[in-house]
N, C-alpha and C. Protein backbone atom coordinates (compact mmCIF):
# COMPACT_ATOMS: atom_id res chain seq x y z
N THR A 1 102.39 35.58 28.25
CA THR A 1 103.38 35.42 28.59
C THR A 1 103.52 33.78 28.29
N TRP A 2 104.72 33.12 28.00
CA TRP A 2 104.84 31.81 27.57
C TRP A 2 106.63 30.88 27.61
N GLY A 3 105.75 29.57 27.88
CA GLY A 3 106.77 29.21 28.65
C GLY A 3 106.73 27.48 28.26
N GLY A 4 107.30 27.00 28.97
CA GLY A 4 107.28 25.50 28.93
C GLY A 4 107.64 24.48 30.31
N SER A 5 108.12 23.43 30.14
CA SER A 5 108.21 22.32 30.98
C SER A 5 108.92 21.50 30.97
N ALA A 6 109.48 20.31 30.92
CA ALA A 6 109.54 18.84 30.67
C ALA A 6 110.01 18.19 31.97
N HIS A 7 109.80 17.63 32.76
CA HIS A 7 110.17 16.48 33.97
C HIS A 7 110.07 15.15 33.86
N TYR A 8 110.98 14.04 34.59
CA TYR A 8 110.77 12.44 34.73
C TYR A 8 109.89 12.19 34.45
N THR A 9 108.74 11.01 34.46
CA THR A 9 108.16 11.01 35.53
C THR A 9 108.30 10.05 36.38
N GLU A 10 107.19 9.77 37.53
CA GLU A 10 107.30 8.90 38.94
C GLU A 10 105.59 8.91 39.26
N VAL A 11 105.42 6.85 39.43
CA VAL A 11 104.40 6.80 38.82
C VAL A 11 104.93 6.28 40.01
N ASP A 12 104.00 5.16 41.19
CA ASP A 12 103.77 5.68 42.46
C ASP A 12 104.29 5.26 42.90
N GLY A 13 106.07 5.64 43.09
CA GLY A 13 107.05 6.23 43.81
C GLY A 13 107.90 4.84 42.81
N ILE A 14 107.43 4.99 41.71
CA ILE A 14 108.29 4.45 41.57
C ILE A 14 109.43 5.92 40.45
N ALA A 15 110.51 6.51 39.90
CA ALA A 15 111.12 7.46 39.14
C ALA A 15 111.73 6.33 37.90
N TYR A 16 110.96 7.08 36.08
CA TYR A 16 111.42 7.32 34.93
C TYR A 16 112.36 7.64 34.54
N ASN A 17 113.62 7.35 34.28
CA ASN A 17 114.86 8.17 34.17
C ASN A 17 114.45 7.96 33.15
N SER A 18 114.40 7.39 31.18
CA SER A 18 114.65 8.28 30.53
C SER A 18 113.91 8.92 28.90
N ALA A 19 115.30 9.33 27.83
CA ALA A 19 113.59 10.54 27.08
C ALA A 19 112.51 10.27 26.95
N ASP A 20 112.46 8.73 27.12
CA ASP A 20 110.97 8.30 26.70
C ASP A 20 109.10 8.34 27.75
N ASP A 21 110.50 9.14 29.08
CA ASP A 21 109.09 9.07 30.19
C ASP A 21 109.35 10.82 30.72
N ILE A 22 110.01 11.14 29.93
CA ILE A 22 109.76 12.74 29.80
C ILE A 22 107.95 12.83 29.61
N TRP A 23 107.49 14.35 30.66
CA TRP A 23 106.15 15.00 30.59
C TRP A 23 106.77 16.32 30.34
N SER A 24 105.73 16.92 28.75
CA SER A 24 106.36 18.19 29.19
C SER A 24 105.10 18.89 28.83
N THR A 25 105.04 20.20 29.71
CA THR A 25 104.13 21.53 29.04
C THR A 25 104.03 22.79 28.97
N GLY A 26 103.85 23.01 28.42
CA GLY A 26 103.77 24.33 26.94
C GLY A 26 102.82 25.52 27.52
N ILE A 27 103.41 27.03 27.89
CA ILE A 27 101.25 27.83 28.15
C ILE A 27 102.18 28.67 27.10
N LEU A 28 101.15 29.14 26.21
CA LEU A 28 100.97 30.91 26.05
C LEU A 28 99.85 31.60 26.00
N LEU A 29 99.40 33.22 26.63
CA LEU A 29 99.01 33.97 27.03
C LEU A 29 98.74 34.95 26.81
N VAL A 30 97.74 35.35 27.12
CA VAL A 30 97.79 37.01 26.30
C VAL A 30 96.52 38.18 27.30
N GLY A 31 96.70 39.03 27.19
CA GLY A 31 95.53 39.12 28.05
C GLY A 31 96.56 41.52 28.92
N PRO A 32 95.30 41.95 29.04
CA PRO A 32 95.67 43.56 29.67
C PRO A 32 96.49 43.62 31.07
N MET A 33 97.68 44.57 31.18
CA MET A 33 98.23 45.04 31.82
C MET A 33 97.92 46.10 32.34
N TYR A 34 97.84 46.94 33.86
CA TYR A 34 97.24 47.70 34.60
C TYR A 34 99.10 47.74 35.43
N MET A 35 99.86 49.16 35.23
CA MET A 35 100.53 49.51 35.72
C MET A 35 100.11 51.26 36.34
N GLY A 36 101.66 51.23 37.45
CA GLY A 36 100.56 52.52 38.07
C GLY A 36 102.25 52.46 38.93
N SER A 37 102.31 53.88 39.60
CA SER A 37 103.50 54.00 39.82
C SER A 37 103.05 55.42 41.13
N SER A 38 104.40 55.55 42.03
CA SER A 38 103.72 56.40 43.37
C SER A 38 105.04 56.40 44.02
N GLY A 39 105.50 57.82 43.52
CA GLY A 39 106.85 57.92 44.01
C GLY A 39 107.99 56.98 43.67
N ASN A 40 108.96 56.67 44.13
CA ASN A 40 109.40 55.63 43.51
C ASN A 40 109.40 54.74 43.12
N ILE A 41 108.35 53.66 43.57
CA ILE A 41 107.36 52.37 43.59
C ILE A 41 106.32 51.91 42.08
N VAL A 42 107.38 51.25 41.29
CA VAL A 42 106.26 50.98 40.75
C VAL A 42 105.37 50.01 40.74
N TYR A 43 103.36 49.61 40.13
CA TYR A 43 103.18 48.80 40.37
C TYR A 43 102.70 47.71 39.29
N GLU A 44 102.74 46.85 38.79
CA GLU A 44 101.81 46.29 37.47
C GLU A 44 101.23 44.92 38.29
N GLY A 45 99.83 44.69 37.21
CA GLY A 45 98.83 43.71 37.10
C GLY A 45 98.60 43.20 36.26
N HIS A 46 98.22 41.33 36.24
CA HIS A 46 97.64 41.40 34.92
C HIS A 46 96.62 40.18 35.14
N VAL A 47 95.83 40.11 34.32
CA VAL A 47 95.31 39.21 33.91
C VAL A 47 94.85 38.72 32.57
N GLN A 48 95.14 36.89 32.61
CA GLN A 48 95.63 36.25 31.01
C GLN A 48 94.97 35.96 30.54
N LEU A 49 94.74 35.21 29.22
CA LEU A 49 94.42 33.69 29.20
C LEU A 49 94.88 33.69 27.50
N GLY A 50 94.10 32.51 27.05
CA GLY A 50 95.42 32.03 26.18
C GLY A 50 95.23 29.65 26.24
N ARG A 51 96.56 29.58 25.85
CA ARG A 51 95.94 28.32 25.73
C ARG A 51 97.44 26.64 26.96
N VAL A 52 97.14 26.34 27.22
CA VAL A 52 97.84 25.10 27.83
C VAL A 52 98.09 23.97 27.71
N ILE A 53 99.50 23.13 27.59
CA ILE A 53 99.48 22.21 26.66
C ILE A 53 100.61 20.96 27.40
N GLY A 54 100.11 20.24 27.08
CA GLY A 54 100.72 18.86 27.58
C GLY A 54 101.09 17.82 26.32
N ILE A 55 102.11 17.00 27.00
CA ILE A 55 102.41 15.68 26.05
C ILE A 55 103.07 15.29 27.50
N THR A 56 102.54 14.50 27.08
CA THR A 56 102.54 12.39 28.33
C THR A 56 103.44 11.38 27.98
N PRO A 57 103.92 11.02 28.56
CA PRO A 57 104.90 10.07 28.05
C PRO A 57 104.89 9.28 27.12
N ASN A 58 105.69 8.47 26.61
CA ASN A 58 105.47 7.67 25.88
C ASN A 58 105.38 5.90 26.08
N PHE A 59 104.91 6.41 27.09
CA PHE A 59 104.52 4.77 27.76
C PHE A 59 103.04 5.64 28.23
N PHE A 60 102.26 6.59 28.30
CA PHE A 60 101.00 7.31 28.17
C PHE A 60 100.59 7.39 26.57
N GLY A 61 101.19 6.82 26.01
CA GLY A 61 101.07 7.39 24.56
C GLY A 61 101.75 8.30 23.39
N GLY A 62 102.21 9.29 24.50
CA GLY A 62 103.26 10.81 24.05
C GLY A 62 102.23 11.78 23.65
N GLU A 63 100.71 11.25 22.96
CA GLU A 63 99.68 12.12 24.02
C GLU A 63 99.66 13.93 23.08
N THR A 64 99.69 14.36 22.87
CA THR A 64 99.52 15.95 23.60
C THR A 64 98.01 16.39 23.44
N ALA A 65 97.79 17.23 24.60
CA ALA A 65 96.40 18.17 24.45
C ALA A 65 96.13 19.41 24.44
N SER A 66 95.37 20.55 25.07
CA SER A 66 95.57 21.70 25.36
C SER A 66 93.99 21.78 25.54
N ASP A 67 94.45 23.30 26.66
CA ASP A 67 92.86 23.84 27.37
C ASP A 67 93.24 25.07 27.68
N THR A 68 92.51 25.55 27.72
CA THR A 68 91.28 26.72 27.87
C THR A 68 92.90 27.27 29.43
N GLY A 69 94.53 27.92 28.87
CA GLY A 69 95.08 28.62 29.78
C GLY A 69 94.10 30.14 30.65
N PHE A 70 94.49 29.96 31.68
CA PHE A 70 94.01 31.03 32.64
C PHE A 70 95.54 31.67 33.66
N GLY A 71 95.79 32.88 33.65
CA GLY A 71 96.57 33.29 34.68
C GLY A 71 96.71 34.65 34.83
N ILE A 72 97.56 34.76 36.05
CA ILE A 72 97.52 35.61 37.05
C ILE A 72 98.28 36.03 37.03
N GLY A 73 99.21 37.76 38.16
CA GLY A 73 100.15 38.59 37.44
C GLY A 73 100.65 39.59 38.75
N GLY A 74 101.60 39.53 39.62
CA GLY A 74 102.27 41.61 39.32
C GLY A 74 103.17 41.40 39.45
N SER A 75 103.79 42.87 40.01
CA SER A 75 104.86 42.68 40.24
C SER A 75 105.69 43.68 40.72
N LEU A 76 106.47 44.24 42.08
CA LEU A 76 106.81 45.74 42.40
C LEU A 76 108.06 46.23 42.45
N LYS A 77 108.55 47.52 41.72
CA LYS A 77 109.90 47.20 42.10
C LYS A 77 109.60 48.54 42.04
N TYR A 78 110.99 48.52 43.03
CA TYR A 78 111.70 50.27 44.00
C TYR A 78 113.07 50.93 43.03
N ARG A 79 112.56 51.96 42.59
CA ARG A 79 114.08 52.25 42.22
C ARG A 79 114.64 52.50 43.08
N LEU A 80 116.29 52.73 42.99
CA LEU A 80 117.39 52.47 43.72
C LEU A 80 118.02 54.12 43.01
N GLY A 81 117.21 55.64 42.94
CA GLY A 81 117.76 56.06 41.36
C GLY A 81 117.88 56.23 40.88
N SER A 82 118.30 56.94 39.59
CA SER A 82 117.86 56.50 38.52
C SER A 82 118.13 55.63 37.77
N LYS A 83 119.48 54.66 38.26
CA LYS A 83 119.52 53.92 37.43
C LYS A 83 119.38 52.23 37.48
N PHE A 84 119.19 52.14 39.05
CA PHE A 84 119.13 50.46 39.01
C PHE A 84 117.56 50.95 39.96
N ALA A 85 116.74 49.22 39.96
CA ALA A 85 115.80 49.26 40.88
C ALA A 85 115.63 47.70 40.69
N VAL A 86 115.11 47.35 41.97
CA VAL A 86 114.89 46.25 42.40
C VAL A 86 113.34 45.52 42.99
N GLY A 87 113.10 44.43 42.49
CA GLY A 87 111.62 43.93 41.92
C GLY A 87 111.89 42.59 42.78
N VAL A 88 110.43 42.22 42.39
CA VAL A 88 108.88 41.28 42.78
C VAL A 88 108.38 40.90 41.79
N ASN A 89 108.64 39.44 41.45
CA ASN A 89 107.56 39.12 40.28
C ASN A 89 106.51 37.77 41.02
N LEU A 90 105.61 37.43 40.65
CA LEU A 90 104.45 36.49 41.95
C LEU A 90 103.33 36.19 40.26
N ASP A 91 102.94 35.42 39.37
CA ASP A 91 102.13 34.96 38.25
C ASP A 91 101.65 33.10 39.06
N TYR A 92 100.67 33.06 38.38
CA TYR A 92 100.00 31.51 39.49
C TYR A 92 99.90 31.54 37.27
N ILE A 93 99.86 30.56 36.71
CA ILE A 93 98.90 29.64 35.58
C ILE A 93 98.03 28.49 35.84
N THR A 94 97.38 28.32 34.71
CA THR A 94 96.38 26.90 35.56
C THR A 94 96.42 26.19 33.93
N GLY A 95 95.56 25.20 34.11
CA GLY A 95 94.85 24.41 32.77
C GLY A 95 94.66 23.11 32.97
N GLU A 96 93.48 22.03 32.41
CA GLU A 96 93.48 21.53 32.65
C GLU A 96 92.76 20.62 31.24
N PRO A 97 94.71 19.60 30.54
CA PRO A 97 93.68 19.28 29.15
C PRO A 97 92.98 18.15 29.70
N TYR A 98 92.38 17.93 28.31
CA TYR A 98 92.23 16.14 28.31
C TYR A 98 92.85 15.55 28.01
N PHE A 99 92.92 14.46 27.64
CA PHE A 99 93.95 13.94 27.23
C PHE A 99 93.18 11.85 26.72
N GLU A 100 93.01 12.13 24.99
CA GLU A 100 91.68 11.27 24.95
C GLU A 100 92.37 9.97 25.20
N TYR A 101 93.31 9.52 24.51
CA TYR A 101 93.92 7.91 24.16
C TYR A 101 94.19 7.71 25.51
N ALA A 102 94.56 8.42 26.59
CA ALA A 102 94.28 7.99 28.63
C ALA A 102 93.00 7.85 28.71
N GLY A 103 93.16 8.83 28.14
CA GLY A 103 90.78 8.53 28.66
C GLY A 103 91.48 9.08 30.72
N TRP A 104 92.03 11.21 30.58
CA TRP A 104 92.20 10.99 31.70
C TRP A 104 92.31 13.03 31.20
N SER A 105 92.28 13.55 33.04
CA SER A 105 92.93 15.28 32.63
C SER A 105 93.63 15.41 33.04
N GLN A 106 94.51 16.17 32.80
CA GLN A 106 95.47 16.59 34.23
C GLN A 106 95.32 18.30 34.82
N LYS A 107 95.90 18.36 35.49
CA LYS A 107 96.13 19.59 36.15
C LYS A 107 96.68 20.54 35.68
N ILE A 108 97.66 21.34 35.63
CA ILE A 108 98.99 21.69 34.90
C ILE A 108 98.88 22.77 35.22
N SER A 109 99.67 23.40 37.11
CA SER A 109 99.83 24.51 37.49
C SER A 109 100.77 25.54 37.34
N ALA A 110 101.90 26.71 37.48
CA ALA A 110 103.26 27.31 38.53
C ALA A 110 102.38 28.11 38.97
N ILE A 111 103.71 27.66 39.86
CA ILE A 111 103.17 29.37 40.37
C ILE A 111 105.09 29.18 40.69
N ASN A 112 104.95 30.82 39.71
CA ASN A 112 106.49 31.26 39.53
C ASN A 112 106.40 33.03 40.18
N PHE A 113 107.75 33.50 41.57
CA PHE A 113 108.10 33.61 41.91
C PHE A 113 109.63 34.37 41.61
N THR A 114 109.48 35.48 40.90
CA THR A 114 111.17 36.25 40.73
C THR A 114 111.38 37.38 41.10
N GLY A 115 112.55 37.62 41.61
CA GLY A 115 113.89 38.94 42.30
C GLY A 115 114.89 38.91 41.19
N GLY A 116 114.31 40.29 41.62
CA GLY A 116 115.52 40.36 41.73
C GLY A 116 116.25 42.51 40.91
N ILE A 117 117.68 42.79 40.59
CA ILE A 117 118.37 44.01 40.42
C ILE A 117 117.89 44.66 39.09
N GLY A 118 116.95 44.97 38.28
CA GLY A 118 117.36 45.90 37.39
C GLY A 118 118.24 47.55 37.16
N PHE A 119 118.32 47.36 35.69
CA PHE A 119 119.49 47.97 34.84
C PHE A 119 117.99 48.63 34.10
N LEU A 120 118.35 50.84 34.92
CA LEU A 120 116.38 51.53 34.12
C LEU A 120 117.50 52.31 32.73
N PHE A 121 117.34 52.59 31.99
CA PHE A 121 117.75 52.88 30.40
C PHE A 121 116.57 54.04 29.73
């Protein structure tokens, strides 16, 4: 799994909305996946380890820090005949990089829930 995000900062109820006020995060995780099926249902689960990266806004020094990341998730798909399937996915990712310049750590966590229709080929 890999991904990233960026968002503006809010401190003590004050929103900072310039390009210098952006928190950025990134993840890169790898690990085993288990797949199985029963009739028209396909299921899978995975556990992953890797790196979680955080970049503070410039007013916190623009520092980059990383930590060991952990992820767990799974999906469930139901086949609608030979060409289509509907599915749902759920993933949880977490890590807590320590920013030396700022002198604190920041927990970075995400829950990702998706669903959709897939074309099978």
